[in-house]
Amino acid sequence: MVPKPTEIGEALERFLRSAFSIREGDSGFDWDAQLYDSGFVDSAGVVELIDFLESTFDVGLQDDDVFSDEFTTINGISAIVHQRLATRVSPDEATGTDAARVAPPDR
């Protein structure tokens, strides 16, 4: 089953706070904060961030993902990871249903 974007965001927030020493009370840090422009993550930190995402969620990120406008906030990154995960699994896995697949009869 694919994790929800909020679950991805929670894991991402924990990682960012730990790896980049972002305090709980930092009023400038939220899920829509610009991670790079606001100085939360520097250029070397991007490599750590990508490694965390790829290893934690077993997902391969493409250059288009990493250089997109969405890859600047927790909300945007969570959406990208969720989309990558959802496109590699069956529709039932993505939605969490466990419907049995029945082959159509031979004609």
Protein backbone atom coordinates (compact mmCIF):
# COMPACT_ATOMS: atom_id res chain seq x y z
CA MET A 1 0.00 0.00 0.00
CA VAL A 2 1.26 3.45 -0.89
CA PRO A 3 1.76 5.81 2.05
CA LYS A 4 -0.44 8.89 2.05
CA PRO A 5 1.21 12.25 1.32
CA THR A 6 0.68 13.23 4.97
CA GLU A 7 2.57 10.11 6.13
CA ILE A 8 5.39 10.94 3.74
CA GLY A 9 5.36 14.54 4.97
CA GLU A 10 5.55 13.48 8.61
CA ALA A 11 8.59 11.29 7.95
CA LEU A 12 10.16 14.04 5.86
CA GLU A 13 9.60 16.63 8.58
CA ARG A 14 11.20 14.35 11.21
CA PHE A 15 14.20 13.80 8.93
CA LEU A 16 14.62 17.50 8.14
CA ARG A 17 14.36 18.56 11.79
CA SER A 18 16.92 15.94 12.82
CA ALA A 19 19.38 16.22 9.92
CA PHE A 20 19.36 20.02 9.72
CA SER A 21 18.79 20.91 13.39
CA ILE A 22 15.46 22.67 12.88
CA ARG A 23 13.86 23.43 16.24
CA GLU A 24 10.23 22.55 16.99
CA GLY A 25 9.40 26.18 17.75
CA ASP A 26 10.80 27.60 14.51
CA SER A 27 7.88 29.71 13.26
CA GLY A 28 9.31 29.91 9.73
CA PHE A 29 9.31 26.15 9.28
CA ASP A 30 6.12 24.52 8.10
CA TRP A 31 5.09 22.23 5.28
CA ASP A 32 4.87 25.13 2.82
CA ALA A 33 8.19 26.73 3.79
CA GLN A 34 10.70 27.12 0.97
CA LEU A 35 13.36 24.71 2.19
CA TYR A 36 16.22 26.10 0.10
CA ASP A 37 15.39 29.81 -0.16
CA SER A 38 14.75 29.97 3.60
CA GLY A 39 18.07 28.29 4.37
CA PHE A 40 16.72 25.13 5.97
CA VAL A 41 18.49 22.90 3.42
CA ASP A 42 21.70 23.85 1.58
CA SER A 43 23.07 22.41 -1.65
CA ALA A 44 24.90 19.58 0.14
CA GLY A 45 21.74 18.87 2.13
CA VAL A 46 19.81 18.24 -1.06
CA VAL A 47 21.94 15.14 -1.63
CA GLU A 48 21.11 13.93 1.90
CA LEU A 49 17.43 14.67 1.31
CA ILE A 50 17.32 12.73 -1.95
CA ASP A 51 19.17 9.79 -0.35
CA PHE A 52 16.69 9.80 2.55
CA LEU A 53 13.68 9.79 0.23
CA GLU A 54 15.03 7.11 -2.09
CA SER A 55 16.12 4.79 0.72
CA THR A 56 13.17 5.34 3.05
CA PHE A 57 10.44 5.04 0.43
CA ASP A 58 12.29 2.81 -2.06
CA VAL A 59 11.57 5.28 -4.82
CA GLY A 60 13.69 6.53 -7.70
CA LEU A 61 13.56 10.28 -8.20
CA GLN A 62 14.20 11.73 -11.64
CA ASP A 63 15.91 15.02 -12.50
CA ASP A 64 12.49 16.41 -13.45
CA ASP A 65 11.35 15.71 -9.87
CA VAL A 66 14.35 17.20 -8.14
CA PHE A 67 14.47 20.35 -10.29
CA SER A 68 10.72 20.99 -10.22
CA ASP A 69 9.14 23.89 -8.34
CA GLU A 70 7.31 21.34 -6.16
CA PHE A 71 10.59 19.94 -4.81
CA THR A 72 11.02 22.99 -2.59
CA THR A 73 8.50 22.34 0.21
CA ILE A 74 7.49 19.38 2.36
CA ASN A 75 4.04 19.40 0.75
CA GLY A 76 5.50 19.42 -2.74
CA ILE A 77 8.12 16.76 -2.07
CA SER A 78 5.53 14.54 -0.38
CA ALA A 79 3.27 14.83 -3.42
CA ILE A 80 6.12 13.92 -5.78
CA VAL A 81 7.11 10.86 -3.75
CA HIS A 82 3.48 9.78 -3.41
CA GLN A 83 2.96 10.11 -7.18
CA ARG A 84 6.12 8.11 -7.94
CA LEU A 85 5.01 5.35 -5.57
CA ALA A 86 1.42 5.32 -6.84
CA THR A 87 2.47 4.96 -10.48
CA ARG A 88 4.56 1.88 -9.82
CA VAL A 89 1.87 -0.20 -8.06
CA SER A 90 -1.45 -1.62 -9.12
CA PRO A 91 -4.58 0.51 -8.60
CA ASP A 92 -5.70 -1.78 -5.75
CA GLU A 93 -2.39 -1.38 -3.93
CA ALA A 94 -2.48 2.39 -4.38
CA THR A 95 -5.94 2.67 -2.82
CA GLY A 96 -5.39 -0.01 -0.20
CA THR A 97 -8.15 -2.30 -1.42
CA ASP A 98 -7.66 -6.00 -1.59
CA ALA A 99 -9.96 -6.92 -4.45
CA ALA A 100 -9.40 -10.34 -5.95
CA ARG A 101 -8.54 -10.31 -9.62
CA VAL A 102 -10.57 -12.73 -11.68
CA ALA A 103 -9.54 -13.51 -15.23
CA PRO A 104 -12.28 -13.11 -17.81
CA PRO A 105 -13.60 -16.40 -19.21
CA ASP A 106 -12.06 -17.70 -22.42
CA ARG A 107 -14.30 -17.22 -25.43
